[in-house]
Protein backbone atom coordinates (compact mmCIF):
# COMPACT_ATOMS: atom_id res chain seq x y z
CA MET A 1 113.01 87.46 84.98
CA ASN A 2 115.91 90.08 84.93
CA ASP A 3 119.06 90.15 86.74
CA ALA A 4 118.16 92.81 89.15
CA GLU A 5 115.56 90.15 90.68
CA TRP A 6 118.56 88.29 92.23
CA SER A 7 121.09 89.59 94.73
CA THR A 8 124.82 89.13 94.65
CA VAL A 9 127.16 88.70 97.65
CA LYS A 10 129.76 91.29 98.04
CA ASN A 11 130.96 90.27 101.53
CA MET A 12 131.86 86.66 102.71
CA LYS A 13 128.77 85.73 105.09
CA ILE A 14 129.80 84.02 108.11
CA LEU A 15 127.52 82.30 110.97
CA LEU A 16 129.35 81.44 114.36
CA VAL A 17 127.93 78.69 116.23
CA ASP A 18 128.66 77.96 120.01
CA ASP A 19 126.65 77.14 123.16
CA ASP A 20 129.18 79.26 125.13
CA TYR A 21 128.26 82.68 124.75
CA LEU A 22 131.74 84.08 126.15
CA ALA A 23 133.52 82.01 123.19
CA LEU A 24 131.03 83.38 120.84
CA GLU A 25 131.58 87.13 121.85
CA GLY A 26 135.39 86.24 122.00
CA LEU A 27 135.62 84.84 118.39
CA GLN A 28 133.59 87.89 117.25
CA GLN A 29 135.51 90.29 118.71
CA MET A 30 139.16 88.63 118.15
CA LEU A 31 138.49 88.33 114.32
CA HIS A 32 139.69 90.93 111.92
CA TRP A 33 136.69 90.93 109.61
CA LYS A 34 138.07 93.28 107.22
CA GLU A 35 141.14 91.17 106.57
CA PHE A 36 138.93 88.74 104.67
CA ASP A 37 135.99 90.63 103.74
CA GLY A 38 133.78 88.90 106.27
CA GLU A 39 130.18 89.77 107.32
CA LEU A 40 128.69 88.24 110.48
CA ILE A 41 125.12 87.32 109.64
CA GLY A 42 124.38 85.91 113.08
CA CYS A 43 125.23 83.77 116.25
CA ALA A 44 123.62 80.41 117.26
CA THR A 45 123.76 78.31 120.28
CA ASN A 46 123.24 75.10 118.62
CA GLY A 47 122.61 73.30 115.51
CA THR A 48 118.89 73.95 115.28
CA GLU A 49 119.25 77.69 115.74
CA ALA A 50 121.87 77.65 113.13
CA ILE A 51 119.64 75.91 110.47
CA SER A 52 117.03 78.44 111.35
CA ILE A 53 119.35 81.49 110.35
CA ILE A 54 120.82 79.31 107.43
CA LYS A 55 117.46 78.96 105.80
CA LYS A 56 116.77 82.46 105.85
CA SER A 57 120.42 83.97 104.83
CA CYS A 58 122.49 81.21 103.95
CA PRO A 59 126.01 81.84 104.73
CA ASP A 60 129.20 81.15 102.78
CA VAL A 61 131.00 79.99 105.85
CA VAL A 62 129.74 78.25 109.18
CA ILE A 63 132.31 78.17 112.14
CA SER A 64 130.90 75.98 114.80
CA ASP A 65 131.90 74.19 118.04
CA ILE A 66 131.67 70.23 117.86
CA LYS A 67 130.09 69.67 121.33
CA MET A 68 127.06 71.19 121.96
CA PRO A 69 123.50 70.46 123.70
CA GLY A 70 120.73 69.43 121.19
CA MET A 71 121.78 69.27 117.64
CA ASP A 72 125.64 69.37 118.11
CA GLY A 73 128.41 70.52 115.48
CA LEU A 74 128.61 66.92 113.98
CA GLU A 75 124.76 66.86 113.10
CA LEU A 76 124.95 70.16 111.75
CA THR A 77 127.99 69.23 109.62
CA LYS A 78 125.90 66.15 108.19
CA TYR A 79 122.93 68.39 107.52
CA LEU A 80 124.87 70.97 105.65
CA TYR A 81 126.51 68.12 103.51
CA GLU A 82 123.26 66.84 102.62
CA ASN A 83 121.21 70.13 101.89
CA TYR A 84 123.90 72.93 101.40
CA ARG A 85 127.33 71.88 100.04
CA GLY A 86 128.16 75.07 98.77
CA ILE A 87 128.72 76.31 102.51
CA ARG A 88 132.02 75.75 104.06
CA MET A 89 132.28 74.24 107.30
CA ILE A 90 135.15 75.15 109.98
CA LEU A 91 134.73 72.91 113.06
CA ILE A 92 136.14 74.09 116.56
CA SER A 93 136.97 70.80 118.72
CA GLY A 94 138.68 70.02 122.08
CA HIS A 95 141.16 67.84 122.75
CA GLY A 96 138.92 64.87 123.91
CA GLU A 97 136.68 65.17 120.71
CA PHE A 98 138.78 63.49 118.20
CA ASP A 99 136.53 60.90 117.45
CA TYR A 100 133.80 63.57 116.65
CA ALA A 101 136.51 65.30 114.39
CA GLN A 102 137.35 62.08 112.43
CA ARG A 103 133.71 61.34 111.83
CA ALA A 104 133.16 64.83 110.47
CA LEU A 105 135.90 64.30 107.78
CA GLN A 106 133.26 62.24 105.44
CA TYR A 107 131.26 65.87 105.43
CA GLN A 108 133.82 67.67 103.81
CA VAL A 109 134.82 69.98 106.62
CA VAL A 110 137.25 72.50 105.43
CA ASP A 111 139.26 72.99 108.63
CA TYR A 112 139.19 72.63 112.29
CA ILE A 113 140.49 74.69 115.14
CA LEU A 114 141.73 73.05 118.30
CA LYS A 115 140.91 74.48 121.69
CA PRO A 116 142.13 76.53 123.47
CA ILE A 117 141.81 79.32 120.95
CA THR A 118 144.76 81.47 120.78
CA ARG A 119 145.72 84.72 118.90
CA LYS A 120 147.98 82.52 116.60
CA LYS A 121 145.11 80.34 115.66
CA ILE A 122 142.94 83.44 114.90
CA THR A 123 145.47 84.57 112.75
CA ASP A 124 145.83 80.95 110.82
CA LEU A 125 141.82 81.16 110.86
CA GLU A 126 141.72 84.58 109.13
CA LYS A 127 144.31 83.14 106.49
CA ARG A 128 142.15 80.41 105.78
CA LEU A 129 139.00 82.58 105.63
CA ALA A 130 140.91 84.85 102.97
CA GLY A 131 141.69 81.58 101.08
CA ILE A 132 138.15 80.68 100.89
CA LYS A 133 137.16 84.29 99.79
CA ARG A 134 139.68 84.16 97.00
CA GLU A 135 138.01 80.77 95.98
CA LEU A 136 134.52 82.55 95.84
CA ASP A 137 135.76 85.73 94.00
CA PRO A 138 136.38 84.44 90.79
CA GLN A 139 132.71 83.67 90.74
CA LYS A 140 131.66 87.10 91.53
CA ASP A 141 130.74 88.47 88.09
CA ASN A 142 129.08 85.20 86.88
CA TYR A 143 127.64 83.41 89.86
CA TRP A 144 124.27 83.42 90.67
CA TYR A 145 123.64 83.48 94.47
CA MET A 146 120.52 81.92 95.04
CA TYR A 147 120.46 81.93 98.96
CA ASP A 148 118.08 84.95 99.46
CA GLU A 149 114.67 84.52 100.60
CA THR A 150 113.14 86.15 97.36
CA LEU A 151 113.88 83.27 95.21
CA ARG A 152 112.76 80.58 97.57
CA GLU A 153 109.50 82.51 98.06
CA GLN A 154 108.93 82.95 94.14
CA VAL A 155 109.67 79.47 93.14
CA LEU A 156 107.31 78.23 95.89
CA ALA A 157 104.61 80.76 94.99
CA ALA A 158 104.86 79.41 91.40
CA LEU A 159 104.44 75.84 92.58
CA ARG A 160 101.34 76.91 94.90
CA LYS A 161 99.62 78.73 91.78
CA GLY A 162 100.76 76.01 89.19
CA ASP A 163 102.53 78.63 87.25
CA MET A 164 104.51 76.78 84.77
CA ALA A 165 105.48 79.78 82.71
CA PHE A 166 107.72 81.13 85.53
CA LEU A 167 109.09 77.70 86.23
CA GLY A 168 109.92 77.03 82.64
CA GLU A 169 111.53 80.31 82.19
CA LEU A 170 113.81 79.76 85.35
CA MET A 171 114.97 76.55 84.24
CA ILE A 172 115.90 77.37 80.83
CA SER A 173 117.42 80.84 81.65
CA GLU A 174 121.13 81.74 80.93
CA LYS A 175 121.76 82.26 84.54
CA VAL A 176 120.72 78.96 85.60
CA MET A 177 123.21 77.32 82.86
CA GLU A 178 125.87 79.66 83.92
CA SER A 179 125.47 78.95 87.74
CA LEU A 180 125.28 74.99 87.11
CA SER A 181 128.56 75.35 84.96
CA ILE A 182 130.66 77.38 87.17
CA ASP A 183 129.55 76.38 90.60
CA ARG A 184 131.62 73.12 91.37
CA HIS A 185 129.26 72.78 94.70
CA ASP A 186 126.01 73.24 92.65
CA ALA A 187 124.41 75.18 95.30
CA LEU A 188 121.79 76.50 92.92
CA GLY A 189 120.53 73.16 91.70
CA LEU A 190 120.75 71.66 95.42
CA GLN A 191 118.34 74.57 96.45
CA LEU A 192 116.13 74.29 93.40
CA LEU A 193 116.10 70.53 94.23
CA ASN A 194 115.25 71.20 97.92
CA TYR A 195 112.04 73.56 97.13
CA LEU A 196 110.34 70.65 95.55
CA PHE A 197 110.51 68.75 98.92
CA ILE A 198 109.46 72.01 100.90
CA TYR A 199 106.58 72.17 98.89
CA GLN A 200 105.74 68.41 99.04
CA GLU A 201 105.89 68.78 102.80
CA GLU A 202 103.53 71.72 102.41
CA ILE A 203 100.66 69.87 100.73
CA GLY A 204 100.66 67.12 103.32
CA LYS A 205 103.30 64.41 102.13
CA ASP A 206 104.39 62.62 105.15
CA LYS A 207 107.92 63.59 106.57
CA PRO A 208 109.52 60.04 106.94
CA SER A 209 108.75 59.00 103.14
CA LEU A 210 109.66 62.37 101.82
CA SER A 211 113.14 62.04 103.73
CA ALA A 212 113.64 58.78 101.95
CA ILE A 213 112.67 60.03 98.65
CA LYS A 214 114.64 63.42 98.96
CA GLN A 215 117.97 60.99 99.90
CA GLN A 216 117.50 59.12 96.74
CA ALA A 217 116.75 62.31 94.39
CA MET A 218 119.91 63.92 95.88
CA GLU A 219 122.03 60.83 95.14
CA GLU A 220 120.45 60.63 91.59
CA TYR A 221 121.32 64.56 90.84
CA TRP A 222 124.87 64.18 92.09
CA GLN A 223 125.51 61.13 89.42
CA LEU A 224 124.71 63.64 86.62
CA SER A 225 127.76 64.92 85.39
CA SER A 226 126.64 67.72 82.83
CA PRO A 227 124.55 71.06 83.57
CA TYR A 228 122.23 70.12 80.68
CA ALA A 229 121.67 66.69 82.41
CA ARG A 230 120.86 68.27 85.83
CA ILE A 231 118.56 71.05 84.11
CA ALA A 232 116.57 68.17 82.54
CA TYR A 233 116.56 66.34 85.90
CA LEU A 234 115.23 69.24 87.68
CA SER A 235 112.69 70.26 85.12
CA LYS A 236 111.04 67.04 85.12
CA ARG A 237 110.73 66.71 88.88
CA TYR A 238 109.17 70.41 88.68
CA TYR A 239 106.85 69.35 86.21
CA ASP A 240 105.88 66.01 87.56
CA LEU A 241 105.10 67.32 90.91
CA MET A 242 102.87 70.22 89.59
CA GLU A 243 100.88 67.76 87.46
CA TYR A 244 100.60 65.58 90.52
CA ALA A 245 99.41 68.59 92.55
CA GLU A 246 96.91 69.49 90.08
CA ASN A 247 95.47 66.05 89.78
CA CYS A 248 95.02 65.50 93.38
CA LYS A 249 93.87 69.26 94.19
CA ASN A 250 90.52 68.70 95.23
CA GLN A 251 91.60 65.68 97.29
CA TYR A 252 93.70 67.95 99.44
CA ILE A 253 92.32 71.57 99.14
CA ASP A 254 88.60 70.84 99.93
CA PRO A 255 89.36 69.02 103.28
CA ILE A 256 91.61 71.73 104.26
CA VAL A 257 89.15 74.40 103.68
CA ALA A 258 86.57 72.37 105.46
CA TYR A 259 89.01 71.99 108.18
CA SER A 260 89.66 75.62 108.47
CA VAL A 261 86.25 76.91 108.50
CA GLN A 262 85.51 74.36 111.18
CA MET A 263 88.28 75.71 113.21
CA ILE A 264 87.22 79.43 112.81
CA GLN A 265 83.87 78.23 113.74
CA GLU A 266 84.97 76.70 116.78
CA HIS A 267 87.60 78.81 118.06
CA PHE A 268 86.91 82.34 116.93
CA SER A 269 86.06 83.53 120.30
CA ASP A 270 89.34 82.69 121.78
CA PRO A 271 91.39 85.85 121.50
CA TYR A 272 94.62 83.97 121.16
CA PHE A 273 93.41 82.06 117.98
CA ASN A 274 94.57 83.18 114.63
CA ILE A 275 95.06 81.86 111.05
CA SER A 276 98.63 80.85 112.16
CA SER A 277 96.91 78.42 114.58
CA ILE A 278 95.09 76.68 111.66
CA ALA A 279 98.00 76.51 109.59
CA GLU A 280 100.06 74.97 112.50
CA ALA A 281 97.43 72.48 113.38
CA ALA A 282 97.02 71.62 109.76
CA HIS A 283 100.67 71.25 109.32
CA LEU A 284 101.00 73.86 106.45
CA SER A 285 102.74 76.93 105.77
CA LEU A 286 100.59 80.12 106.23
CA PRO A 287 101.24 81.39 102.72
CA TYR A 288 100.19 77.90 101.15
CA LEU A 289 96.93 77.78 103.62
CA SER A 290 96.17 81.54 102.49
CA THR A 291 96.44 80.65 99.01
CA ILE A 292 94.34 77.64 98.95
CA PHE A 293 91.78 79.19 100.84
CA LYS A 294 91.10 82.05 98.71
CA GLN A 295 91.47 79.88 95.61
CA ALA A 296 88.44 77.75 96.92
CA THR A 297 86.59 80.50 98.68
CA GLY A 298 87.28 83.80 96.82
CA GLN A 299 87.94 85.44 100.11
CA ASN A 300 91.08 86.03 102.22
CA ILE A 301 91.07 83.62 105.50
CA SER A 302 92.09 86.38 107.65
CA ASN A 303 88.93 88.40 106.51
CA TYR A 304 86.85 85.25 106.92
CA LEU A 305 87.95 84.95 110.61
CA ALA A 306 87.40 88.66 111.00
CA ARG A 307 83.88 88.31 109.53
CA GLN A 308 83.06 85.66 111.88
CA ARG A 309 83.91 87.79 114.79
CA LEU A 310 82.06 90.63 113.64
CA ASN A 311 78.82 88.80 113.31
CA GLU A 312 78.90 87.32 116.64
CA ALA A 313 79.81 90.99 118.01
CA LYS A 314 76.49 92.07 116.30
CA ALA A 315 74.49 89.44 117.72
CA LEU A 316 75.82 89.83 121.37
CA LEU A 317 75.32 93.54 121.19
CA ARG A 318 71.70 93.30 120.27
CA ASP A 319 71.35 91.85 123.96
CA VAL A 320 71.73 95.09 126.14
CA SER A 321 72.10 92.86 129.33
CA ILE A 322 75.73 91.91 128.01
CA PRO A 323 78.27 94.66 128.78
CA ILE A 324 80.41 95.35 125.73
CA LYS A 325 83.54 94.35 127.46
CA ASP A 326 81.95 90.88 127.69
CA VAL A 327 80.80 91.23 124.02
CA SER A 328 84.54 92.08 123.13
CA LYS A 329 85.96 88.96 124.95
CA ARG A 330 83.19 86.59 123.70
CA SER A 331 84.07 87.84 120.01
CA GLY A 332 87.67 86.98 120.17
CA TYR A 333 89.03 90.18 121.49
CA GLU A 334 90.92 90.56 124.35
CA ASP A 335 91.19 94.21 124.73
CA PRO A 336 87.79 96.21 124.28
CA ARG A 337 89.45 99.37 123.05
CA TYR A 338 91.01 97.46 120.20
CA PHE A 339 87.72 95.48 119.75
CA ALA A 340 85.89 98.99 119.56
CA LYS A 341 88.45 100.50 116.96
CA ILE A 342 88.17 97.36 114.89
CA PHE A 343 84.39 97.40 114.99
CA LYS A 344 83.96 101.00 113.93
CA LYS A 345 86.38 100.66 111.18
CA ARG A 346 84.30 97.52 109.71
CA THR A 347 80.79 99.20 110.54
CA SER A 348 81.42 103.04 110.63
CA MET A 349 79.87 102.93 114.26
CA THR A 350 81.14 102.32 117.74
CA PRO A 351 79.84 99.26 119.52
CA SER A 352 77.61 101.34 121.91
CA GLU A 353 76.18 103.37 118.60
CA PHE A 354 75.46 99.97 117.09
CA ARG A 355 73.56 98.90 120.19
CA ASN A 356 71.69 101.95 120.54
CA LEU A 357 70.61 102.10 116.73
CA TYR A 358 69.41 98.30 117.34
CA SER A 359 67.26 99.45 120.43
CA THR A 360 65.55 102.13 118.62
CA GLY A 361 63.81 99.59 116.16
CA HIS A 362 66.23 99.45 113.25
CA GLN A 363 66.33 95.62 112.99
CA ASP A 364 68.71 95.49 109.82
CA VAL A 365 71.42 97.45 111.23
CA SER A 366 73.70 96.03 108.48
CA THR A 367 71.76 98.39 106.08
CA PHE A 368 73.30 101.34 108.01
CA SER A 369 76.78 99.98 109.17
CA GLY A 370 78.48 98.57 106.24
CA GLY A 371 78.35 95.15 108.16
CA ASN A 372 78.77 93.10 105.02
CA GLN A 373 82.71 94.46 104.46
CA PRO A 374 85.19 91.87 104.76
């Protein structure tokens, strides 16, 4: 694992959250981003949208209105406190929202902006953001920024494969030790802890019990005072989880594969059915479903679905009374032209050529068609 695998942050990444589009646009235009080396990574209209952006590209600072429909700013602040303590939160509040602001104090909000937002308040905000930037700057050379999607996917991939070597190397790496020693918010440690629960949700553990376990784990983790103790804690949790997953692999993989095969057999003729439909129905991530299907069957689940559709098309084409456009639809393809393109790619023949060849007496057309290709 080399340093080039992980990215460092040059600009301070900022996310704006407000249900008022004009307010978002105004704040975006009024801020002098170069004054504090700021980079706008996105805008959201409520807390739920904000979390989606945060999971993909974790910002350094979130500036959010308190009152919003759906998940409001207070709930978003609580979520960040529990899951991303390294993110600084700045709240925008109205005169009648003092109670909200008071309740947010327990979640370590770094600043408030009181409406209406004036040029003077924007200048003060820019100074506050510049101060946050200075707090981050001393860590630039040593801090290991773990908020990109690459690390998340690499850790989850290692968990799915049972790759103890990768995870062991990660835990004892100098970079992990440096980050846990330098970062007073321990953003890396919390992320590594969070990945454990993302994976447990993938393999089917119910969310209510996971939520309770996660809260307990966070509390236990924060009580550990040294980087060594935290690394030991994380390592044990990772190894325990991988041992658990290995021991009960057949208990959850075999039923999932059987369920996937059944769904494909029942729904492949639906043009809107795809492997994402299976993942959603099974409450699994698509990468995890694909991995365990390949491990159990030796083939890609997408190829398995395509093969079912191809076999159905071949069977229907043998009946010359069925128009080719109907063959297309009944095989799971809405567009006959796309169906013809896929069919030729997989069999080296157009549907019409396949039908004509069969009608001339070549019963085993797969001999000529390459039809056993995935």
